[in-house]
Amino acid sequence: MSERKRRKSGRKRLTAEERADFARQRRELIGKLIIQDDWEGAIVIEHIRGSQYLVRFPDGTEKFASHKKQKGKGNDGLIRDGWKLWEEK
């Protein structure tokens, strides 16, 4: 199999298998408990698009947040790092 083509931006294109795997990983976050500092007890309610999610905090408020995947972190049903409130750019 030939090496994947690089885009003009220098990033490699994802294969269909990689895209499916990443989509699966995003769906797996739904229903998980966040235990990151200042986010303790928050739950991922819905995946919106890309890195954007809807999160419910312990006080019942729901806010949009983004998540950056953390390399080398185990999947034990808890999410420890990588969350921040969504910012409009």
PDB file of N, CA and C in Angstrom:
ATOM      1  N   MET A   1       0.851  -1.179   0.000  1.00  0.00           N
ATOM      2  CA  MET A   1       0.000   0.000   0.000  1.00  0.00           C
ATOM      3  C   MET A   1       0.893   1.237   0.000  1.00  0.00           C
ATOM      4  N   SER A   2       0.523   2.224  -0.771  1.00  0.00           N
ATOM      5  CA  SER A   2       1.341   3.425  -0.851  1.00  0.00           C
ATOM      6  C   SER A   2       1.153   4.297   0.378  1.00  0.00           C
ATOM      7  N   GLU A   3       2.123   5.125   0.626  1.00  0.00           N
ATOM      8  CA  GLU A   3       2.045   6.036   1.773  1.00  0.00           C
ATOM      9  C   GLU A   3       0.936   7.064   1.514  1.00  0.00           C
ATOM     10  N   ARG A   4       0.250   7.431   2.587  1.00  0.00           N
ATOM     11  CA  ARG A   4      -0.842   8.393   2.436  1.00  0.00           C
ATOM     12  C   ARG A   4      -0.322   9.726   1.913  1.00  0.00           C
ATOM     13  N   LYS A   5      -1.153  10.398   1.130  1.00  0.00           N
ATOM     14  CA  LYS A   5      -0.784  11.685   0.575  1.00  0.00           C
ATOM     15  C   LYS A   5      -0.807  12.754   1.659  1.00  0.00           C
ATOM     16  N   ARG A   6       0.052  13.713   1.518  1.00  0.00           N
ATOM     17  CA  ARG A   6       0.062  14.850   2.439  1.00  0.00           C
ATOM     18  C   ARG A   6      -0.727  15.993   1.807  1.00  0.00           C
ATOM     19  N   ARG A   7      -1.459  16.689   2.658  1.00  0.00           N
ATOM     20  CA  ARG A   7      -2.171  17.874   2.190  1.00  0.00           C
ATOM     21  C   ARG A   7      -1.168  19.017   2.064  1.00  0.00           C
ATOM     22  N   LYS A   8      -1.607  20.108   1.459  1.00  0.00           N
ATOM     23  CA  LYS A   8      -0.753  21.285   1.350  1.00  0.00           C
ATOM     24  C   LYS A   8      -0.386  21.819   2.725  1.00  0.00           C
ATOM     25  N   SER A   9      -1.241  21.558   3.722  1.00  0.00           N
ATOM     26  CA  SER A   9      -0.967  22.026   5.088  1.00  0.00           C
ATOM     27  C   SER A   9       0.103  21.178   5.764  1.00  0.00           C
ATOM     28  N   GLY A  10       0.496  20.069   5.134  1.00  0.00           N
ATOM     29  CA  GLY A  10       1.516  19.211   5.709  1.00  0.00           C
ATOM     30  C   GLY A  10       0.961  18.063   6.530  1.00  0.00           C
ATOM     31  N   ARG A  11      -0.354  18.049   6.768  1.00  0.00           N
ATOM     32  CA  ARG A  11      -0.965  16.967   7.544  1.00  0.00           C
ATOM     33  C   ARG A  11      -1.333  15.818   6.617  1.00  0.00           C
ATOM     34  N   LYS A  12      -1.218  14.593   7.135  1.00  0.00           N
ATOM     35  CA  LYS A  12      -1.594  13.412   6.355  1.00  0.00           C
ATOM     36  C   LYS A  12      -3.107  13.252   6.363  1.00  0.00           C
ATOM     37  N   ARG A  13      -3.626  12.749   5.255  1.00  0.00           N
ATOM     38  CA  ARG A  13      -5.048  12.426   5.192  1.00  0.00           C
ATOM     39  C   ARG A  13      -5.311  11.201   6.041  1.00  0.00           C
ATOM     40  N   LEU A  14      -6.481  11.170   6.664  1.00  0.00           N
ATOM     41  CA  LEU A  14      -6.859  10.016   7.461  1.00  0.00           C
ATOM     42  C   LEU A  14      -7.433   8.932   6.560  1.00  0.00           C
ATOM     43  N   THR A  15      -7.177   7.694   6.908  1.00  0.00           N
ATOM     44  CA  THR A  15      -7.791   6.590   6.194  1.00  0.00           C
ATOM     45  C   THR A  15      -9.227   6.438   6.699  1.00  0.00           C
ATOM     46  N   ALA A  16     -10.030   5.684   5.989  1.00  0.00           N
ATOM     47  CA  ALA A  16     -11.404   5.432   6.421  1.00  0.00           C
ATOM     48  C   ALA A  16     -11.417   4.751   7.786  1.00  0.00           C
ATOM     49  N   GLU A  17     -10.486   3.834   7.999  1.00  0.00           N
ATOM     50  CA  GLU A  17     -10.414   3.124   9.281  1.00  0.00           C
ATOM     51  C   GLU A  17     -10.074   4.076  10.422  1.00  0.00           C
ATOM     52  N   GLU A  18      -9.143   5.004  10.179  1.00  0.00           N
ATOM     53  CA  GLU A  18      -8.779   5.978  11.215  1.00  0.00           C
ATOM     54  C   GLU A  18      -9.950   6.894  11.551  1.00  0.00           C
ATOM     55  N   ARG A  19     -10.658   7.357  10.518  1.00  0.00           N
ATOM     56  CA  ARG A  19     -11.815   8.223  10.748  1.00  0.00           C
ATOM     57  C   ARG A  19     -12.879   7.508  11.572  1.00  0.00           C
ATOM     58  N   ALA A  20     -13.135   6.247  11.241  1.00  0.00           N
ATOM     59  CA  ALA A  20     -14.133   5.459  11.977  1.00  0.00           C
ATOM     60  C   ALA A  20     -13.688   5.258  13.425  1.00  0.00           C
ATOM     61  N   ASP A  21     -12.400   4.980  13.627  1.00  0.00           N
ATOM     62  CA  ASP A  21     -11.883   4.778  14.980  1.00  0.00           C
ATOM     63  C   ASP A  21     -12.006   6.062  15.810  1.00  0.00           C
ATOM     64  N   PHE A  22     -11.650   7.194  15.237  1.00  0.00           N
ATOM     65  CA  PHE A  22     -11.750   8.465  15.962  1.00  0.00           C
ATOM     66  C   PHE A  22     -13.212   8.789  16.287  1.00  0.00           C
ATOM     67  N   ALA A  23     -14.126   8.514  15.362  1.00  0.00           N
ATOM     68  CA  ALA A  23     -15.554   8.744  15.620  1.00  0.00           C
ATOM     69  C   ALA A  23     -16.026   7.859  16.775  1.00  0.00           C
ATOM     70  N   ARG A  24     -15.574   6.616  16.797  1.00  0.00           N
ATOM     71  CA  ARG A  24     -15.906   5.696  17.887  1.00  0.00           C
ATOM     72  C   ARG A  24     -15.389   6.227  19.220  1.00  0.00           C
ATOM     73  N   GLN A  25     -14.168   6.715  19.228  1.00  0.00           N
ATOM     74  CA  GLN A  25     -13.579   7.254  20.455  1.00  0.00           C
ATOM     75  C   GLN A  25     -14.383   8.449  20.973  1.00  0.00           C
ATOM     76  N   ARG A  26     -14.854   9.311  20.063  1.00  0.00           N
ATOM     77  CA  ARG A  26     -15.659  10.469  20.484  1.00  0.00           C
ATOM     78  C   ARG A  26     -16.989  10.012  21.069  1.00  0.00           C
ATOM     79  N   ARG A  27     -17.638   9.023  20.439  1.00  0.00           N
ATOM     80  CA  ARG A  27     -18.919   8.518  20.953  1.00  0.00           C
ATOM     81  C   ARG A  27     -18.750   7.864  22.325  1.00  0.00           C
ATOM     82  N   GLU A  28     -17.601   7.240  22.554  1.00  0.00           N
ATOM     83  CA  GLU A  28     -17.360   6.567  23.835  1.00  0.00           C
ATOM     84  C   GLU A  28     -17.305   7.533  25.012  1.00  0.00           C
ATOM     85  N   LEU A  29     -17.082   8.817  24.762  1.00  0.00           N
ATOM     86  CA  LEU A  29     -17.032   9.800  25.852  1.00  0.00           C
ATOM     87  C   LEU A  29     -18.418  10.124  26.408  1.00  0.00           C
ATOM     88  N   ILE A  30     -19.463   9.871  25.619  1.00  0.00           N
ATOM     89  CA  ILE A  30     -20.823  10.188  26.062  1.00  0.00           C
ATOM     90  C   ILE A  30     -21.165   9.352  27.291  1.00  0.00           C
ATOM     91  N   GLY A  31     -21.654  10.033  28.330  1.00  0.00           N
ATOM     92  CA  GLY A  31     -22.014   9.375  29.575  1.00  0.00           C
ATOM     93  C   GLY A  31     -20.864   9.245  30.568  1.00  0.00           C
ATOM     94  N   LYS A  32     -19.668   9.662  30.174  1.00  0.00           N
ATOM     95  CA  LYS A  32     -18.506   9.553  31.059  1.00  0.00           C
ATOM     96  C   LYS A  32     -18.481  10.699  32.067  1.00  0.00           C
ATOM     97  N   LEU A  33     -17.904  10.413  33.213  1.00  0.00           N
ATOM     98  CA  LEU A  33     -17.758  11.369  34.297  1.00  0.00           C
ATOM     99  C   LEU A  33     -16.423  12.084  34.161  1.00  0.00           C
ATOM    100  N   ILE A  34     -16.443  13.411  34.287  1.00  0.00           N
ATOM    101  CA  ILE A  34     -15.223  14.218  34.199  1.00  0.00           C
ATOM    102  C   ILE A  34     -14.739  14.501  35.617  1.00  0.00           C
ATOM    103  N   ILE A  35     -13.456  14.256  35.882  1.00  0.00           N
ATOM    104  CA  ILE A  35     -12.913  14.533  37.209  1.00  0.00           C
ATOM    105  C   ILE A  35     -11.732  15.504  37.140  1.00  0.00           C
ATOM    106  N   GLN A  36     -11.669  16.287  36.099  1.00  0.00           N
ATOM    107  CA  GLN A  36     -10.641  17.322  35.941  1.00  0.00           C
ATOM    108  C   GLN A  36     -10.901  18.422  36.968  1.00  0.00           C
ATOM    109  N   ASP A  37      -9.849  19.089  37.421  1.00  0.00           N
ATOM    110  CA  ASP A  37     -10.004  20.204  38.372  1.00  0.00           C
ATOM    111  C   ASP A  37     -11.045  21.197  37.860  1.00  0.00           C
ATOM    112  N   ASP A  38     -11.922  21.645  38.735  1.00  0.00           N
ATOM    113  CA  ASP A  38     -13.017  22.596  38.456  1.00  0.00           C
ATOM    114  C   ASP A  38     -14.122  21.998  37.586  1.00  0.00           C
ATOM    115  N   TRP A  39     -14.045  20.725  37.246  1.00  0.00           N
ATOM    116  CA  TRP A  39     -15.067  20.058  36.436  1.00  0.00           C
ATOM    117  C   TRP A  39     -15.593  18.812  37.154  1.00  0.00           C
ATOM    118  N   GLU A  40     -15.198  18.581  38.400  1.00  0.00           N
ATOM    119  CA  GLU A  40     -15.547  17.353  39.109  1.00  0.00           C
ATOM    120  C   GLU A  40     -17.045  17.112  39.089  1.00  0.00           C
ATOM    121  N   GLY A  41     -17.436  15.927  38.693  1.00  0.00           N
ATOM    122  CA  GLY A  41     -18.844  15.550  38.684  1.00  0.00           C
ATOM    123  C   GLY A  41     -19.596  15.909  37.419  1.00  0.00           C
ATOM    124  N   ALA A  42     -18.946  16.575  36.471  1.00  0.00           N
ATOM    125  CA  ALA A  42     -19.609  16.906  35.205  1.00  0.00           C
ATOM    126  C   ALA A  42     -19.719  15.635  34.362  1.00  0.00           C
ATOM    127  N   ILE A  43     -20.768  15.546  33.551  1.00  0.00           N
ATOM    128  CA  ILE A  43     -21.010  14.373  32.710  1.00  0.00           C
ATOM    129  C   ILE A  43     -21.157  14.810  31.258  1.00  0.00           C
ATOM    130  N   VAL A  44     -20.536  14.059  30.367  1.00  0.00           N
ATOM    131  CA  VAL A  44     -20.646  14.324  28.930  1.00  0.00           C
ATOM    132  C   VAL A  44     -22.024  13.838  28.477  1.00  0.00           C
ATOM    133  N   ILE A  45     -22.840  14.765  27.970  1.00  0.00           N
ATOM    134  CA  ILE A  45     -24.209  14.465  27.574  1.00  0.00           C
ATOM    135  C   ILE A  45     -24.309  14.104  26.088  1.00  0.00           C
ATOM    136  N   GLU A  46     -23.582  14.846  25.249  1.00  0.00           N
ATOM    137  CA  GLU A  46     -23.755  14.680  23.804  1.00  0.00           C
ATOM    138  C   GLU A  46     -22.501  15.111  23.059  1.00  0.00           C
ATOM    139  N   HIS A  47     -22.161  14.397  21.991  1.00  0.00           N
ATOM    140  CA  HIS A  47     -21.105  14.832  21.078  1.00  0.00           C
ATOM    141  C   HIS A  47     -21.757  15.700  20.028  1.00  0.00           C
ATOM    142  N   ILE A  48     -21.229  16.905  19.818  1.00  0.00           N
ATOM    143  CA  ILE A  48     -21.812  17.831  18.842  1.00  0.00           C
ATOM    144  C   ILE A  48     -21.126  17.659  17.489  1.00  0.00           C
ATOM    145  N   ARG A  49     -19.852  18.021  17.432  1.00  0.00           N
ATOM    146  CA  ARG A  49     -19.084  17.889  16.190  1.00  0.00           C
ATOM    147  C   ARG A  49     -17.613  18.085  16.511  1.00  0.00           C
ATOM    148  N   GLY A  50     -16.778  17.282  15.902  1.00  0.00           N
ATOM    149  CA  GLY A  50     -15.345  17.415  16.136  1.00  0.00           C
ATOM    150  C   GLY A  50     -15.025  17.235  17.604  1.00  0.00           C
ATOM    151  N   SER A  51     -14.413  18.250  18.203  1.00  0.00           N
ATOM    152  CA  SER A  51     -14.041  18.163  19.618  1.00  0.00           C
ATOM    153  C   SER A  51     -15.083  18.806  20.530  1.00  0.00           C
ATOM    154  N   GLN A  52     -16.231  19.212  19.983  1.00  0.00           N
ATOM    155  CA  GLN A  52     -17.241  19.913  20.773  1.00  0.00           C
ATOM    156  C   GLN A  52     -18.271  18.944  21.361  1.00  0.00           C
ATOM    157  N   TYR A  53     -18.558  19.153  22.659  1.00  0.00           N
ATOM    158  CA  TYR A  53     -19.501  18.312  23.393  1.00  0.00           C
ATOM    159  C   TYR A  53     -20.425  19.186  24.226  1.00  0.00           C
ATOM    160  N   LEU A  54     -21.562  18.613  24.623  1.00  0.00           N
ATOM    161  CA  LEU A  54     -22.443  19.236  25.594  1.00  0.00           C
ATOM    162  C   LEU A  54     -22.190  18.528  26.912  1.00  0.00           C
ATOM    163  N   VAL A  55     -21.934  19.309  27.969  1.00  0.00           N
ATOM    164  CA  VAL A  55     -21.573  18.761  29.269  1.00  0.00           C
ATOM    165  C   VAL A  55     -22.555  19.277  30.317  1.00  0.00           C
ATOM    166  N   ARG A  56     -23.005  18.386  31.212  1.00  0.00           N
ATOM    167  CA  ARG A  56     -23.884  18.787  32.316  1.00  0.00           C
ATOM    168  C   ARG A  56     -23.069  18.800  33.606  1.00  0.00           C
ATOM    169  N   PHE A  57     -23.115  19.951  34.289  1.00  0.00           N
ATOM    170  CA  PHE A  57     -22.393  20.122  35.538  1.00  0.00           C
ATOM    171  C   PHE A  57     -23.266  19.686  36.712  1.00  0.00           C
ATOM    172  N   PRO A  58     -22.655  19.434  37.879  1.00  0.00           N
ATOM    173  CA  PRO A  58     -23.416  18.944  39.032  1.00  0.00           C
ATOM    174  C   PRO A  58     -24.575  19.853  39.450  1.00  0.00           C
ATOM    175  N   ASP A  59     -24.470  21.157  39.173  1.00  0.00           N
ATOM    176  CA  ASP A  59     -25.562  22.071  39.545  1.00  0.00           C
ATOM    177  C   ASP A  59     -26.711  22.053  38.535  1.00  0.00           C
ATOM    178  N   GLY A  60     -26.597  21.213  37.496  1.00  0.00           N
ATOM    179  CA  GLY A  60     -27.655  21.064  36.505  1.00  0.00           C
ATOM    180  C   GLY A  60     -27.482  21.912  35.257  1.00  0.00           C
ATOM    181  N   THR A  61     -26.531  22.831  35.258  1.00  0.00           N
ATOM    182  CA  THR A  61     -26.315  23.652  34.070  1.00  0.00           C
ATOM    183  C   THR A  61     -25.648  22.818  32.983  1.00  0.00           C
ATOM    184  N   GLU A  62     -25.989  23.132  31.744  1.00  0.00           N
ATOM    185  CA  GLU A  62     -25.385  22.466  30.599  1.00  0.00           C
ATOM    186  C   GLU A  62     -24.620  23.499  29.794  1.00  0.00           C
ATOM    187  N   LYS A  63     -23.387  23.167  29.455  1.00  0.00           N
ATOM    188  CA  LYS A  63     -22.532  24.098  28.714  1.00  0.00           C
ATOM    189  C   LYS A  63     -21.822  23.344  27.600  1.00  0.00           C
ATOM    190  N   PHE A  64     -21.470  24.092  26.567  1.00  0.00           N
ATOM    191  CA  PHE A  64     -20.691  23.515  25.481  1.00  0.00           C
ATOM    192  C   PHE A  64     -19.221  23.555  25.876  1.00  0.00           C
ATOM    193  N   ALA A  65     -18.532  22.477  25.584  1.00  0.00           N
ATOM    194  CA  ALA A  65     -17.118  22.361  25.935  1.00  0.00           C
ATOM    195  C   ALA A  65     -16.372  21.656  24.822  1.00  0.00           C
ATOM    196  N   SER A  66     -15.068  21.849  24.816  1.00  0.00           N
ATOM    197  CA  SER A  66     -14.237  21.125  23.852  1.00  0.00           C
ATOM    198  C   SER A  66     -13.280  20.233  24.621  1.00  0.00           C
ATOM    199  N   HIS A  67     -12.892  19.142  23.975  1.00  0.00           N
ATOM    200  CA  HIS A  67     -12.008  18.171  24.605  1.00  0.00           C
ATOM    201  C   HIS A  67     -10.832  17.883  23.701  1.00  0.00           C
ATOM    202  N   LYS A  68      -9.642  17.982  24.262  1.00  0.00           N
ATOM    203  CA  LYS A  68      -8.429  17.608  23.544  1.00  0.00           C
ATOM    204  C   LYS A  68      -7.982  16.261  24.096  1.00  0.00           C
ATOM    205  N   LYS A  69      -7.853  15.282  23.207  1.00  0.00           N
ATOM    206  CA  LYS A  69      -7.465  13.937  23.639  1.00  0.00           C
ATOM    207  C   LYS A  69      -6.126  13.973  24.350  1.00  0.00           C
ATOM    208  N   GLN A  70      -6.022  13.146  25.386  1.00  0.00           N
ATOM    209  CA  GLN A  70      -4.798  13.042  26.167  1.00  0.00           C
ATOM    210  C   GLN A  70      -4.110  11.733  25.821  1.00  0.00           C
ATOM    211  N   LYS A  71      -2.894  11.809  25.347  1.00  0.00           N
ATOM    212  CA  LYS A  71      -2.156  10.597  24.961  1.00  0.00           C
ATOM    213  C   LYS A  71      -1.741   9.816  26.193  1.00  0.00           C
ATOM    214  N   GLY A  72      -1.842   8.513  26.096  1.00  0.00           N
ATOM    215  CA  GLY A  72      -1.359   7.636  27.146  1.00  0.00           C
ATOM    216  C   GLY A  72      -2.260   7.539  28.362  1.00  0.00           C
ATOM    217  N   LYS A  73      -3.468   8.051  28.290  1.00  0.00           N
ATOM    218  CA  LYS A  73      -4.386   7.974  29.424  1.00  0.00           C
ATOM    219  C   LYS A  73      -5.255   6.740  29.261  1.00  0.00           C
ATOM    220  N   GLY A  74      -5.459   5.997  30.346  1.00  0.00           N
ATOM    221  CA  GLY A  74      -6.277   4.795  30.308  1.00  0.00           C
ATOM    222  C   GLY A  74      -7.752   5.134  30.197  1.00  0.00           C
ATOM    223  N   ASN A  75      -8.550   4.154  29.785  1.00  0.00           N
ATOM    224  CA  ASN A  75      -9.990   4.333  29.661  1.00  0.00           C
ATOM    225  C   ASN A  75     -10.667   3.564  30.786  1.00  0.00           C
ATOM    226  N   ASP A  76     -10.887   4.247  31.918  1.00  0.00           N
ATOM    227  CA  ASP A  76     -11.490   3.589  33.071  1.00  0.00           C
ATOM    228  C   ASP A  76     -12.877   4.146  33.380  1.00  0.00           C
ATOM    229  N   GLY A  77     -13.478   4.840  32.397  1.00  0.00           N
ATOM    230  CA  GLY A  77     -14.805   5.402  32.610  1.00  0.00           C
ATOM    231  C   GLY A  77     -14.760   6.808  33.167  1.00  0.00           C
ATOM    232  N   LEU A  78     -13.568   7.316  33.438  1.00  0.00           N
ATOM    233  CA  LEU A  78     -13.407   8.674  33.955  1.00  0.00           C
ATOM    234  C   LEU A  78     -12.554   9.478  32.986  1.00  0.00           C
ATOM    235  N   ILE A  79     -12.844  10.753  32.907  1.00  0.00           N
ATOM    236  CA  ILE A  79     -12.060  11.629  32.036  1.00  0.00           C
ATOM    237  C   ILE A  79     -11.347  12.623  32.933  1.00  0.00           C
ATOM    238  N   ARG A  80     -10.029  12.611  32.904  1.00  0.00           N
ATOM    239  CA  ARG A  80      -9.252  13.394  33.850  1.00  0.00           C
ATOM    240  C   ARG A  80      -8.786  14.744  33.321  1.00  0.00           C
ATOM    241  N   ASP A  81      -8.490  14.877  32.051  1.00  0.00           N
ATOM    242  CA  ASP A  81      -7.873  16.100  31.530  1.00  0.00           C
ATOM    243  C   ASP A  81      -8.393  16.445  30.138  1.00  0.00           C
ATOM    244  N   GLY A  82      -8.076  17.667  29.712  1.00  0.00           N
ATOM    245  CA  GLY A  82      -8.304  18.072  28.335  1.00  0.00           C
ATOM    246  C   GLY A  82      -9.566  18.861  28.072  1.00  0.00           C
ATOM    247  N   TRP A  83     -10.330  19.222  29.097  1.00  0.00           N
ATOM    248  CA  TRP A  83     -11.596  19.924  28.886  1.00  0.00           C
ATOM    249  C   TRP A  83     -11.458  21.421  29.083  1.00  0.00           C
ATOM    250  N   LYS A  84     -12.172  22.192  28.241  1.00  0.00           N
ATOM    251  CA  LYS A  84     -12.301  23.636  28.449  1.00  0.00           C
ATOM    252  C   LYS A  84     -13.636  24.069  27.858  1.00  0.00           C
ATOM    253  N   LEU A  85     -14.169  25.158  28.389  1.00  0.00           N
ATOM    254  CA  LEU A  85     -15.432  25.667  27.864  1.00  0.00           C
ATOM    255  C   LEU A  85     -15.221  26.122  26.444  1.00  0.00           C
ATOM    256  N   TRP A  86     -16.255  25.921  25.621  1.00  0.00           N
ATOM    257  CA  TRP A  86     -16.182  26.242  24.208  1.00  0.00           C
ATOM    258  C   TRP A  86     -16.101  27.751  24.023  1.00  0.00           C
ATOM    259  N   GLU A  87     -15.215  28.172  23.154  1.00  0.00           N
ATOM    260  CA  GLU A  87     -15.046  29.592  22.856  1.00  0.00           C
ATOM    261  C   GLU A  87     -15.404  29.843  21.401  1.00  0.00           C
ATOM    262  N   GLU A  88     -16.225  30.855  21.170  1.00  0.00           N
ATOM    263  CA  GLU A  88     -16.534  31.268  19.795  1.00  0.00           C
ATOM    264  C   GLU A  88     -15.331  32.020  19.248  1.00  0.00           C
ATOM    265  N   LYS A  89     -14.917  31.694  18.042  1.00  0.00           N
ATOM    266  CA  LYS A  89     -13.755  32.377  17.455  1.00  0.00           C
ATOM    267  C   LYS A  89     -14.158  33.179  16.251  1.00  0.00           C
TER     268      LYS A  89
END
